[in-house]
Amino acid sequence: MQRVASVKGIRPEEKEDEDVRSPEHVEHVWNEAVDGAWAEGKAPLKLLTEFLQLVQDNEVEQAEATAQEILAVEPYNRLVQDLIIAMKQQRALDDQLETDDEESEEEEEEDSEGEEDDDDDEDEEEESPEQREDKEDK
């Protein structure tokens, strides 16, 4: 432990109290009836697995609805809260990328239309003398 601490540049005597767990956390005996997935006040596993499947399938709206059901039963479920935040951020990023793509496509279309118009003008200007004579004869 001293080696890791010294590699990081932290000496054991400089270590803050915040880095050490309090005794109630260290001595806590985990009990499945209280702390487990089936404990009272926990969301049903079926609901949790459904939510995780929706997140995996990127079904944002349905996942948010399922998350709200979970949070109604278990309001402090950190995993569900974090996944909802991440999904909202991902959706905002996707929307921004989609908007940027549409704008760049519109700019490309405008540029290509402008070039086609310029090409037509050049064709009209570059008539050969024979073409001019044919037009004059008509």
C-alpha atoms as a PDB file:
ATOM      1  CA  MET A   1       0.000   0.000   0.000  1.00  0.00           C
ATOM      2  CA  GLN A   2       2.863   2.342   0.747  1.00  0.00           C
ATOM      3  CA  ARG A   3       4.297   1.760  -2.694  1.00  0.00           C
ATOM      4  CA  VAL A   4       1.020   2.689  -4.401  1.00  0.00           C
ATOM      5  CA  ALA A   5       0.641   5.710  -2.172  1.00  0.00           C
ATOM      6  CA  SER A   6       4.202   6.834  -2.876  1.00  0.00           C
ATOM      7  CA  VAL A   7       3.785   6.294  -6.624  1.00  0.00           C
ATOM      8  CA  LYS A   8       0.767   8.565  -6.548  1.00  0.00           C
ATOM      9  CA  GLY A   9       2.768  11.070  -4.520  1.00  0.00           C
ATOM     10  CA  ILE A  10       0.643  10.641  -1.408  1.00  0.00           C
ATOM     11  CA  ARG A  11       2.366   9.732   1.815  1.00  0.00           C
ATOM     12  CA  PRO A  12       0.393   7.781   4.401  1.00  0.00           C
ATOM     13  CA  GLU A  13       0.752  10.579   6.946  1.00  0.00           C
ATOM     14  CA  GLU A  14      -0.729  13.081   4.428  1.00  0.00           C
ATOM     15  CA  LYS A  15      -3.758  10.950   3.712  1.00  0.00           C
ATOM     16  CA  GLU A  16      -7.047  12.676   4.503  1.00  0.00           C
ATOM     17  CA  ASP A  17      -9.787  11.183   6.637  1.00  0.00           C
ATOM     18  CA  GLU A  18     -12.187  11.331   3.662  1.00  0.00           C
ATOM     19  CA  ASP A  19     -10.259   8.521   1.972  1.00  0.00           C
ATOM     20  CA  VAL A  20     -11.005   6.101   4.816  1.00  0.00           C
ATOM     21  CA  ARG A  21     -14.356   4.362   5.201  1.00  0.00           C
ATOM     22  CA  SER A  22     -16.173   4.877   8.435  1.00  0.00           C
ATOM     23  CA  PRO A  23     -16.522   1.885  10.781  1.00  0.00           C
ATOM     24  CA  GLU A  24     -20.247   1.464  10.127  1.00  0.00           C
ATOM     25  CA  HIS A  25     -19.501   0.810   6.436  1.00  0.00           C
ATOM     26  CA  VAL A  26     -16.633  -1.558   7.081  1.00  0.00           C
ATOM     27  CA  GLU A  27     -18.388  -3.564   9.761  1.00  0.00           C
ATOM     28  CA  HIS A  28     -21.736  -3.700   7.966  1.00  0.00           C
ATOM     29  CA  VAL A  29     -22.911  -7.246   7.423  1.00  0.00           C
ATOM     30  CA  TRP A  30     -24.884  -7.436   4.209  1.00  0.00           C
ATOM     31  CA  ASN A  31     -28.166  -9.237   4.611  1.00  0.00           C
ATOM     32  CA  GLU A  32     -30.029 -10.317   1.496  1.00  0.00           C
ATOM     33  CA  ALA A  33     -33.386  -9.836   3.201  1.00  0.00           C
ATOM     34  CA  VAL A  34     -32.552  -6.182   3.841  1.00  0.00           C
ATOM     35  CA  ASP A  35     -29.995  -5.287   1.182  1.00  0.00           C
ATOM     36  CA  GLY A  36     -30.778  -7.771  -1.580  1.00  0.00           C
ATOM     37  CA  ALA A  37     -32.835  -7.417  -4.711  1.00  0.00           C
ATOM     38  CA  TRP A  38     -35.871  -9.067  -3.105  1.00  0.00           C
ATOM     39  CA  ALA A  39     -35.856  -6.850  -0.031  1.00  0.00           C
ATOM     40  CA  GLU A  40     -38.924  -4.881   0.934  1.00  0.00           C
ATOM     41  CA  GLY A  41     -39.028  -1.489  -0.770  1.00  0.00           C
ATOM     42  CA  LYS A  42     -37.054  -2.672  -3.790  1.00  0.00           C
ATOM     43  CA  ALA A  43     -38.423  -2.581  -7.324  1.00  0.00           C
ATOM     44  CA  PRO A  44     -39.427  -5.951  -8.795  1.00  0.00           C
ATOM     45  CA  LEU A  45     -36.643  -7.704 -10.690  1.00  0.00           C
ATOM     46  CA  LYS A  46     -38.896  -8.162 -13.692  1.00  0.00           C
ATOM     47  CA  LEU A  47     -39.266  -4.385 -13.935  1.00  0.00           C
ATOM     48  CA  LEU A  48     -35.520  -3.851 -13.555  1.00  0.00           C
ATOM     49  CA  THR A  49     -34.638  -6.410 -16.218  1.00  0.00           C
ATOM     50  CA  GLU A  50     -37.248  -4.944 -18.558  1.00  0.00           C
ATOM     51  CA  PHE A  51     -35.728  -1.495 -18.024  1.00  0.00           C
ATOM     52  CA  LEU A  52     -32.202  -2.732 -18.709  1.00  0.00           C
ATOM     53  CA  GLN A  53     -33.367  -4.489 -21.884  1.00  0.00           C
ATOM     54  CA  LEU A  54     -35.020  -1.276 -23.103  1.00  0.00           C
ATOM     55  CA  VAL A  55     -31.830   0.660 -22.400  1.00  0.00           C
ATOM     56  CA  GLN A  56     -29.814  -1.937 -24.303  1.00  0.00           C
ATOM     57  CA  ASP A  57     -32.242  -1.763 -27.255  1.00  0.00           C
ATOM     58  CA  ASN A  58     -32.113   2.058 -27.113  1.00  0.00           C
ATOM     59  CA  GLU A  59     -35.890   2.365 -26.649  1.00  0.00           C
ATOM     60  CA  VAL A  60     -35.622   5.717 -24.901  1.00  0.00           C
ATOM     61  CA  GLU A  61     -39.283   6.606 -24.364  1.00  0.00           C
ATOM     62  CA  GLN A  62     -40.264   3.175 -23.059  1.00  0.00           C
ATOM     63  CA  ALA A  63     -37.148   3.005 -20.878  1.00  0.00           C
ATOM     64  CA  GLU A  64     -37.990   6.369 -19.325  1.00  0.00           C
ATOM     65  CA  ALA A  65     -41.536   5.220 -18.564  1.00  0.00           C
ATOM     66  CA  THR A  66     -40.253   2.009 -16.976  1.00  0.00           C
ATOM     67  CA  ALA A  67     -37.659   3.982 -15.026  1.00  0.00           C
ATOM     68  CA  GLN A  68     -40.398   6.171 -13.586  1.00  0.00           C
ATOM     69  CA  GLU A  69     -42.210   3.032 -12.398  1.00  0.00           C
ATOM     70  CA  ILE A  70     -39.011   1.802 -10.737  1.00  0.00           C
ATOM     71  CA  LEU A  71     -38.307   5.168  -9.130  1.00  0.00           C
ATOM     72  CA  ALA A  72     -41.864   5.285  -7.770  1.00  0.00           C
ATOM     73  CA  VAL A  73     -41.086   2.132  -5.770  1.00  0.00           C
ATOM     74  CA  GLU A  74     -37.377   2.741  -5.190  1.00  0.00           C
ATOM     75  CA  PRO A  75     -36.700   6.507  -5.440  1.00  0.00           C
ATOM     76  CA  TYR A  76     -33.014   6.282  -4.520  1.00  0.00           C
ATOM     77  CA  ASN A  77     -32.025   3.710  -7.139  1.00  0.00           C
ATOM     78  CA  ARG A  78     -28.797   5.304  -8.344  1.00  0.00           C
ATOM     79  CA  LEU A  79     -28.352   2.967 -11.324  1.00  0.00           C
ATOM     80  CA  VAL A  80     -31.716   3.885 -12.815  1.00  0.00           C
ATOM     81  CA  GLN A  81     -31.157   7.596 -12.192  1.00  0.00           C
ATOM     82  CA  ASP A  82     -27.718   7.496 -13.828  1.00  0.00           C
ATOM     83  CA  LEU A  83     -28.947   5.534 -16.846  1.00  0.00           C
ATOM     84  CA  ILE A  84     -31.810   7.977 -17.424  1.00  0.00           C
ATOM     85  CA  ILE A  85     -29.374  10.897 -17.326  1.00  0.00           C
ATOM     86  CA  ALA A  86     -27.029   9.096 -19.721  1.00  0.00           C
ATOM     87  CA  MET A  87     -29.875   8.290 -22.121  1.00  0.00           C
ATOM     88  CA  LYS A  88     -31.038  11.920 -22.134  1.00  0.00           C
ATOM     89  CA  GLN A  89     -27.494  13.082 -22.850  1.00  0.00           C
ATOM     90  CA  GLN A  90     -27.164  10.521 -25.638  1.00  0.00           C
ATOM     91  CA  ARG A  91     -30.473  11.626 -27.156  1.00  0.00           C
ATOM     92  CA  ALA A  92     -29.390  15.289 -27.044  1.00  0.00           C
ATOM     93  CA  LEU A  93     -26.083  14.383 -28.696  1.00  0.00           C
ATOM     94  CA  ASP A  94     -27.827  12.337 -31.398  1.00  0.00           C
ATOM     95  CA  ASP A  95     -30.266  15.188 -32.075  1.00  0.00           C
ATOM     96  CA  GLN A  96     -27.379  17.636 -32.369  1.00  0.00           C
ATOM     97  CA  LEU A  97     -25.488  15.348 -34.759  1.00  0.00           C
ATOM     98  CA  GLU A  98     -28.633  14.846 -36.841  1.00  0.00           C
ATOM     99  CA  THR A  99     -29.189  18.602 -37.030  1.00  0.00           C
ATOM    100  CA  ASP A 100     -25.568  19.156 -38.050  1.00  0.00           C
ATOM    101  CA  ASP A 101     -25.846  16.463 -40.747  1.00  0.00           C
ATOM    102  CA  GLU A 102     -29.026  18.015 -42.163  1.00  0.00           C
ATOM    103  CA  GLU A 103     -27.410  21.456 -42.259  1.00  0.00           C
ATOM    104  CA  SER A 104     -24.321  20.131 -44.037  1.00  0.00           C
ATOM    105  CA  GLU A 105     -26.488  18.253 -46.568  1.00  0.00           C
ATOM    106  CA  GLU A 106     -28.474  21.430 -47.289  1.00  0.00           C
ATOM    107  CA  GLU A 107     -25.257  23.385 -47.776  1.00  0.00           C
ATOM    108  CA  GLU A 108     -23.922  20.707 -50.138  1.00  0.00           C
ATOM    109  CA  GLU A 109     -27.157  20.783 -52.153  1.00  0.00           C
ATOM    110  CA  GLU A 110     -27.012  24.566 -52.416  1.00  0.00           C
ATOM    111  CA  ASP A 111     -23.377  24.408 -53.492  1.00  0.00           C
ATOM    112  CA  SER A 112     -24.062  21.733 -56.117  1.00  0.00           C
ATOM    113  CA  GLU A 113     -27.081  23.656 -57.477  1.00  0.00           C
ATOM    114  CA  GLY A 114     -24.967  26.778 -57.741  1.00  0.00           C
ATOM    115  CA  GLU A 115     -22.283  24.863 -59.640  1.00  0.00           C
ATOM    116  CA  GLU A 116     -24.854  23.377 -62.058  1.00  0.00           C
ATOM    117  CA  ASP A 117     -26.213  26.842 -62.821  1.00  0.00           C
ATOM    118  CA  ASP A 118     -22.689  28.065 -63.489  1.00  0.00           C
ATOM    119  CA  ASP A 119     -22.070  25.109 -65.814  1.00  0.00           C
ATOM    120  CA  ASP A 120     -25.203  25.921 -67.833  1.00  0.00           C
ATOM    121  CA  ASP A 121     -24.081  29.517 -68.273  1.00  0.00           C
ATOM    122  CA  GLU A 122     -20.667  28.393 -69.469  1.00  0.00           C
ATOM    123  CA  ASP A 123     -22.216  26.047 -72.045  1.00  0.00           C
ATOM    124  CA  GLU A 124     -24.270  28.870 -73.487  1.00  0.00           C
ATOM    125  CA  GLU A 125     -21.269  31.160 -73.716  1.00  0.00           C
ATOM    126  CA  GLU A 126     -19.077  28.603 -75.464  1.00  0.00           C
ATOM    127  CA  GLU A 127     -21.016  28.208 -78.703  1.00  0.00           C
ATOM    128  CA  SER A 128     -18.974  27.473 -81.768  1.00  0.00           C
ATOM    129  CA  PRO A 129     -19.213  29.749 -84.805  1.00  0.00           C
ATOM    130  CA  GLU A 130     -21.108  26.983 -86.647  1.00  0.00           C
ATOM    131  CA  GLN A 131     -23.782  26.883 -83.933  1.00  0.00           C
ATOM    132  CA  ARG A 132     -24.170  30.642 -84.184  1.00  0.00           C
ATOM    133  CA  GLU A 133     -24.593  30.463 -87.967  1.00  0.00           C
ATOM    134  CA  ASP A 134     -27.220  27.723 -87.594  1.00  0.00           C
ATOM    135  CA  LYS A 135     -29.179  29.905 -85.172  1.00  0.00           C
ATOM    136  CA  GLU A 136     -28.941  32.902 -87.494  1.00  0.00           C
ATOM    137  CA  ASP A 137     -30.194  30.843 -90.463  1.00  0.00           C
ATOM    138  CA  LYS A 138     -33.259  29.729 -88.537  1.00  0.00           C
END
